[in-house]
Amino acid sequence: MNLSFNDAELEVVRLAAGREGMSPAAWAGRQVMAVAQHTLVPVSRDAGDVLRELVQARVHLRETAAALRVLTAAGPPVAGLPETAATVLEAALAAVARVDEATVQVMRERRPRS
């Protein structure tokens, strides 16, 4: 199989391969196989940025939910705090579920093939 790149594309491939200590041909081959085996789903640059933001939001929401779980499980009630914390915990868990769904949608986005 022959691959051809313009000068700018080839430079991008060389830089990516260099970051991983690989030859450009080996790096490109690995990427082609990953896409063919559906272990790598190509997305647009904008979608990639959105995906990174969603992943960071998931981490933050999960940490928030974990902290709220600790708060709701801690000792005797403090003037309405457990009820409020439980409500906030449920809202955080619902937000995690929405971010999870959005993340999966972005991950499934594929560049149009010509």
N, C-alpha and C. Protein backbone atom coordinates (compact mmCIF):
# COMPACT_ATOMS: atom_id res chain seq x y z
N MET A 1 0.85 -1.16 0.00
CA MET A 1 0.00 0.00 0.00
C MET A 1 0.91 1.23 0.00
N ASN A 2 0.57 2.18 -0.83
CA ASN A 2 1.32 3.43 -0.87
C ASN A 2 0.47 4.55 -0.29
N LEU A 3 1.09 5.36 0.52
CA LEU A 3 0.44 6.54 1.07
C LEU A 3 1.16 7.76 0.53
N SER A 4 0.42 8.81 0.25
CA SER A 4 1.08 10.03 -0.19
C SER A 4 0.56 11.21 0.63
N PHE A 5 1.47 12.10 0.95
CA PHE A 5 1.15 13.28 1.75
C PHE A 5 1.76 14.49 1.07
N ASN A 6 1.12 15.65 1.24
CA ASN A 6 1.79 16.87 0.79
C ASN A 6 2.85 17.21 1.84
N ASP A 7 3.64 18.21 1.60
CA ASP A 7 4.75 18.52 2.51
C ASP A 7 4.29 18.82 3.93
N ALA A 8 3.20 19.57 4.06
CA ALA A 8 2.70 19.93 5.39
C ALA A 8 2.20 18.69 6.12
N GLU A 9 1.47 17.82 5.42
CA GLU A 9 0.96 16.59 6.04
C GLU A 9 2.11 15.68 6.46
N LEU A 10 3.10 15.56 5.61
CA LEU A 10 4.24 14.70 5.92
C LEU A 10 4.98 15.21 7.16
N GLU A 11 5.09 16.51 7.29
CA GLU A 11 5.74 17.07 8.47
C GLU A 11 4.95 16.75 9.74
N VAL A 12 3.63 16.81 9.65
CA VAL A 12 2.79 16.46 10.80
C VAL A 12 3.01 14.99 11.18
N VAL A 13 3.06 14.12 10.18
CA VAL A 13 3.30 12.69 10.42
C VAL A 13 4.68 12.48 11.04
N ARG A 14 5.67 13.17 10.50
CA ARG A 14 7.04 13.04 11.05
C ARG A 14 7.09 13.47 12.51
N LEU A 15 6.45 14.60 12.83
CA LEU A 15 6.45 15.09 14.21
C LEU A 15 5.73 14.11 15.14
N ALA A 16 4.58 13.60 14.70
CA ALA A 16 3.83 12.65 15.53
C ALA A 16 4.65 11.38 15.75
N ALA A 17 5.27 10.89 14.69
CA ALA A 17 6.09 9.68 14.81
C ALA A 17 7.27 9.93 15.75
N GLY A 18 7.89 11.08 15.61
CA GLY A 18 9.03 11.43 16.46
C GLY A 18 8.66 11.48 17.93
N ARG A 19 7.46 11.99 18.23
CA ARG A 19 7.01 12.05 19.63
C ARG A 19 6.92 10.66 20.24
N GLU A 20 6.67 9.68 19.41
CA GLU A 20 6.52 8.31 19.91
C GLU A 20 7.74 7.44 19.61
N GLY A 21 8.80 8.07 19.10
CA GLY A 21 10.03 7.33 18.83
C GLY A 21 9.88 6.30 17.72
N MET A 22 9.07 6.61 16.72
CA MET A 22 8.82 5.66 15.64
C MET A 22 9.19 6.29 14.30
N SER A 23 9.38 5.44 13.30
CA SER A 23 9.57 5.96 11.95
C SER A 23 8.20 6.43 11.45
N PRO A 24 8.17 7.39 10.53
CA PRO A 24 6.89 7.84 9.99
C PRO A 24 6.06 6.69 9.39
N ALA A 25 6.72 5.76 8.69
CA ALA A 25 5.99 4.64 8.08
C ALA A 25 5.37 3.74 9.14
N ALA A 26 6.13 3.44 10.19
CA ALA A 26 5.61 2.58 11.26
C ALA A 26 4.46 3.28 11.99
N TRP A 27 4.63 4.57 12.26
CA TRP A 27 3.57 5.32 12.94
C TRP A 27 2.30 5.35 12.11
N ALA A 28 2.43 5.66 10.81
CA ALA A 28 1.27 5.71 9.92
C ALA A 28 0.60 4.34 9.84
N GLY A 29 1.39 3.29 9.76
CA GLY A 29 0.83 1.94 9.70
C GLY A 29 0.04 1.61 10.94
N ARG A 30 0.58 1.99 12.10
CA ARG A 30 -0.13 1.73 13.36
C ARG A 30 -1.46 2.47 13.41
N GLN A 31 -1.45 3.73 12.92
CA GLN A 31 -2.68 4.52 12.94
C GLN A 31 -3.71 3.94 11.98
N VAL A 32 -3.26 3.52 10.80
CA VAL A 32 -4.17 2.92 9.82
C VAL A 32 -4.82 1.66 10.40
N MET A 33 -4.03 0.82 11.03
CA MET A 33 -4.57 -0.40 11.64
C MET A 33 -5.53 -0.09 12.78
N ALA A 34 -5.22 0.91 13.58
CA ALA A 34 -6.10 1.28 14.69
C ALA A 34 -7.45 1.75 14.17
N VAL A 35 -7.45 2.52 13.09
CA VAL A 35 -8.72 2.97 12.51
C VAL A 35 -9.46 1.78 11.91
N ALA A 36 -8.74 0.91 11.20
CA ALA A 36 -9.38 -0.25 10.57
C ALA A 36 -9.99 -1.19 11.61
N GLN A 37 -9.35 -1.28 12.77
CA GLN A 37 -9.84 -2.17 13.83
C GLN A 37 -10.80 -1.47 14.78
N HIS A 38 -11.14 -0.24 14.48
CA HIS A 38 -12.07 0.56 15.29
C HIS A 38 -11.59 0.79 16.72
N THR A 39 -10.27 0.79 16.92
CA THR A 39 -9.74 1.15 18.23
C THR A 39 -9.37 2.63 18.26
N LEU A 40 -9.35 3.27 17.10
CA LEU A 40 -9.12 4.70 16.98
C LEU A 40 -10.18 5.24 16.04
N VAL A 41 -10.95 6.19 16.52
CA VAL A 41 -11.99 6.80 15.69
C VAL A 41 -11.55 8.21 15.35
N PRO A 42 -11.28 8.46 14.07
CA PRO A 42 -10.83 9.81 13.70
C PRO A 42 -11.95 10.83 13.88
N VAL A 43 -11.60 11.94 14.49
CA VAL A 43 -12.56 13.03 14.66
C VAL A 43 -11.91 14.32 14.21
N SER A 44 -12.73 15.30 13.91
CA SER A 44 -12.20 16.59 13.49
C SER A 44 -11.45 17.25 14.64
N ARG A 45 -10.65 18.23 14.32
CA ARG A 45 -9.89 18.94 15.37
C ARG A 45 -10.85 19.56 16.38
N ASP A 46 -11.93 20.20 15.89
CA ASP A 46 -12.90 20.81 16.79
C ASP A 46 -13.55 19.77 17.69
N ALA A 47 -13.91 18.63 17.11
CA ALA A 47 -14.52 17.56 17.90
C ALA A 47 -13.52 17.04 18.94
N GLY A 48 -12.26 16.98 18.57
CA GLY A 48 -11.23 16.55 19.52
C GLY A 48 -11.13 17.49 20.70
N ASP A 49 -11.19 18.80 20.42
CA ASP A 49 -11.17 19.78 21.50
C ASP A 49 -12.38 19.62 22.41
N VAL A 50 -13.54 19.42 21.79
CA VAL A 50 -14.77 19.23 22.57
C VAL A 50 -14.66 17.96 23.40
N LEU A 51 -14.13 16.90 22.81
CA LEU A 51 -13.99 15.64 23.53
C LEU A 51 -13.08 15.79 24.73
N ARG A 52 -11.95 16.49 24.56
CA ARG A 52 -11.05 16.71 25.70
C ARG A 52 -11.76 17.48 26.81
N GLU A 53 -12.54 18.49 26.44
CA GLU A 53 -13.29 19.27 27.43
C GLU A 53 -14.32 18.39 28.14
N LEU A 54 -14.99 17.53 27.38
CA LEU A 54 -15.97 16.63 27.99
C LEU A 54 -15.31 15.66 28.96
N VAL A 55 -14.15 15.14 28.60
CA VAL A 55 -13.44 14.22 29.48
C VAL A 55 -13.05 14.94 30.78
N GLN A 56 -12.57 16.17 30.66
CA GLN A 56 -12.22 16.93 31.87
C GLN A 56 -13.46 17.21 32.71
N ALA A 57 -14.57 17.52 32.06
CA ALA A 57 -15.82 17.78 32.79
C ALA A 57 -16.28 16.52 33.51
N ARG A 58 -16.15 15.35 32.86
CA ARG A 58 -16.52 14.08 33.49
C ARG A 58 -15.71 13.86 34.76
N VAL A 59 -14.41 14.10 34.67
CA VAL A 59 -13.54 13.90 35.84
C VAL A 59 -13.99 14.81 36.98
N HIS A 60 -14.21 16.07 36.66
CA HIS A 60 -14.62 17.03 37.69
C HIS A 60 -15.98 16.65 38.30
N LEU A 61 -16.92 16.27 37.46
CA LEU A 61 -18.23 15.88 37.97
C LEU A 61 -18.15 14.63 38.84
N ARG A 62 -17.35 13.66 38.43
CA ARG A 62 -17.22 12.44 39.24
C ARG A 62 -16.56 12.74 40.58
N GLU A 63 -15.58 13.65 40.60
CA GLU A 63 -14.95 14.04 41.86
C GLU A 63 -15.96 14.75 42.76
N THR A 64 -16.77 15.60 42.14
CA THR A 64 -17.81 16.32 42.89
C THR A 64 -18.82 15.34 43.47
N ALA A 65 -19.24 14.37 42.66
CA ALA A 65 -20.19 13.37 43.14
C ALA A 65 -19.59 12.55 44.29
N ALA A 66 -18.32 12.19 44.18
CA ALA A 66 -17.66 11.42 45.24
C ALA A 66 -17.61 12.23 46.54
N ALA A 67 -17.30 13.52 46.43
CA ALA A 67 -17.26 14.38 47.62
C ALA A 67 -18.65 14.52 48.23
N LEU A 68 -19.67 14.62 47.39
CA LEU A 68 -21.03 14.72 47.90
C LEU A 68 -21.48 13.42 48.58
N ARG A 69 -21.04 12.28 48.03
CA ARG A 69 -21.38 11.00 48.67
C ARG A 69 -20.80 10.95 50.08
N VAL A 70 -19.56 11.39 50.22
CA VAL A 70 -18.93 11.41 51.54
C VAL A 70 -19.70 12.34 52.47
N LEU A 71 -20.10 13.49 51.96
CA LEU A 71 -20.84 14.47 52.75
C LEU A 71 -22.18 13.91 53.20
N THR A 72 -22.89 13.24 52.31
CA THR A 72 -24.21 12.71 52.67
C THR A 72 -24.11 11.52 53.60
N ALA A 73 -22.99 10.81 53.59
CA ALA A 73 -22.81 9.64 54.44
C ALA A 73 -22.23 10.00 55.81
N ALA A 74 -21.77 11.23 55.96
CA ALA A 74 -21.09 11.63 57.20
C ALA A 74 -22.09 11.89 58.33
N GLY A 75 -21.91 11.18 59.39
CA GLY A 75 -22.57 11.38 60.68
C GLY A 75 -23.99 11.93 60.70
N PRO A 76 -24.33 12.54 61.85
CA PRO A 76 -25.69 13.05 62.06
C PRO A 76 -25.98 14.28 61.20
N PRO A 77 -27.26 14.51 60.89
CA PRO A 77 -27.64 15.65 60.04
C PRO A 77 -27.24 16.99 60.66
N VAL A 78 -26.88 17.91 59.78
CA VAL A 78 -26.56 19.28 60.20
C VAL A 78 -27.57 20.21 59.56
N ALA A 79 -28.57 20.62 60.30
CA ALA A 79 -29.59 21.57 59.87
C ALA A 79 -29.93 21.51 58.38
N GLY A 80 -30.46 20.41 57.92
CA GLY A 80 -30.92 20.29 56.54
C GLY A 80 -29.85 19.97 55.52
N LEU A 81 -28.59 19.90 55.93
CA LEU A 81 -27.49 19.67 55.00
C LEU A 81 -27.61 18.36 54.25
N PRO A 82 -27.86 17.21 54.91
CA PRO A 82 -27.92 15.96 54.15
C PRO A 82 -28.97 15.97 53.04
N GLU A 83 -30.15 16.55 53.33
CA GLU A 83 -31.18 16.58 52.29
C GLU A 83 -30.72 17.41 51.11
N THR A 84 -30.12 18.57 51.37
CA THR A 84 -29.62 19.42 50.30
C THR A 84 -28.49 18.74 49.55
N ALA A 85 -27.57 18.13 50.29
CA ALA A 85 -26.44 17.45 49.66
C ALA A 85 -26.93 16.28 48.82
N ALA A 86 -27.94 15.55 49.29
CA ALA A 86 -28.48 14.44 48.52
C ALA A 86 -29.09 14.93 47.22
N THR A 87 -29.77 16.05 47.27
CA THR A 87 -30.37 16.63 46.06
C THR A 87 -29.27 17.05 45.08
N VAL A 88 -28.22 17.68 45.61
CA VAL A 88 -27.11 18.10 44.76
C VAL A 88 -26.38 16.89 44.19
N LEU A 89 -26.24 15.85 44.99
CA LEU A 89 -25.60 14.62 44.52
C LEU A 89 -26.38 14.03 43.35
N GLU A 90 -27.69 13.97 43.46
CA GLU A 90 -28.51 13.44 42.36
C GLU A 90 -28.36 14.31 41.11
N ALA A 91 -28.30 15.61 41.27
CA ALA A 91 -28.12 16.51 40.12
C ALA A 91 -26.74 16.28 39.49
N ALA A 92 -25.72 16.10 40.33
CA ALA A 92 -24.36 15.86 39.81
C ALA A 92 -24.31 14.54 39.05
N LEU A 93 -24.95 13.51 39.59
CA LEU A 93 -24.96 12.21 38.91
C LEU A 93 -25.72 12.29 37.58
N ALA A 94 -26.79 13.07 37.54
CA ALA A 94 -27.52 13.27 36.28
C ALA A 94 -26.64 14.01 35.28
N ALA A 95 -25.87 14.99 35.76
CA ALA A 95 -24.95 15.72 34.88
C ALA A 95 -23.86 14.80 34.34
N VAL A 96 -23.35 13.91 35.18
CA VAL A 96 -22.34 12.94 34.74
C VAL A 96 -22.92 12.08 33.61
N ALA A 97 -24.14 11.64 33.77
CA ALA A 97 -24.78 10.80 32.74
C ALA A 97 -24.92 11.58 31.43
N ARG A 98 -25.31 12.86 31.50
CA ARG A 98 -25.44 13.67 30.28
C ARG A 98 -24.08 13.89 29.62
N VAL A 99 -23.05 14.14 30.41
CA VAL A 99 -21.72 14.33 29.85
C VAL A 99 -21.21 13.02 29.25
N ASP A 100 -21.50 11.90 29.89
CA ASP A 100 -21.12 10.59 29.34
C ASP A 100 -21.76 10.39 27.96
N GLU A 101 -23.04 10.70 27.84
CA GLU A 101 -23.74 10.55 26.56
C GLU A 101 -23.13 11.45 25.49
N ALA A 102 -22.85 12.70 25.86
CA ALA A 102 -22.26 13.64 24.90
C ALA A 102 -20.87 13.18 24.49
N THR A 103 -20.10 12.64 25.42
CA THR A 103 -18.76 12.16 25.12
C THR A 103 -18.81 11.01 24.11
N VAL A 104 -19.72 10.08 24.33
CA VAL A 104 -19.85 8.95 23.42
C VAL A 104 -20.26 9.44 22.02
N GLN A 105 -21.16 10.42 21.95
CA GLN A 105 -21.58 10.94 20.65
C GLN A 105 -20.41 11.56 19.90
N VAL A 106 -19.59 12.34 20.59
CA VAL A 106 -18.44 12.96 19.94
C VAL A 106 -17.44 11.89 19.52
N MET A 107 -17.24 10.87 20.36
CA MET A 107 -16.29 9.82 20.03
C MET A 107 -16.72 9.04 18.78
N ARG A 108 -18.02 8.98 18.54
CA ARG A 108 -18.52 8.25 17.38
C ARG A 108 -18.49 9.07 16.10
N GLU A 109 -18.26 10.37 16.23
CA GLU A 109 -18.23 11.22 15.04
C GLU A 109 -17.07 10.77 14.15
N ARG A 110 -17.34 10.65 12.90
CA ARG A 110 -16.28 10.30 11.96
C ARG A 110 -16.20 11.38 10.89
N ARG A 111 -15.00 11.60 10.44
CA ARG A 111 -14.84 12.54 9.35
C ARG A 111 -15.52 11.99 8.10
N PRO A 112 -16.14 12.89 7.32
CA PRO A 112 -16.74 12.41 6.08
C PRO A 112 -15.68 11.79 5.18
N ARG A 113 -15.96 10.68 4.61
CA ARG A 113 -15.03 9.99 3.71
C ARG A 113 -15.36 10.41 2.28
N SER A 114 -14.31 10.67 1.51
CA SER A 114 -14.57 11.06 0.12
C SER A 114 -14.28 9.93 -0.83
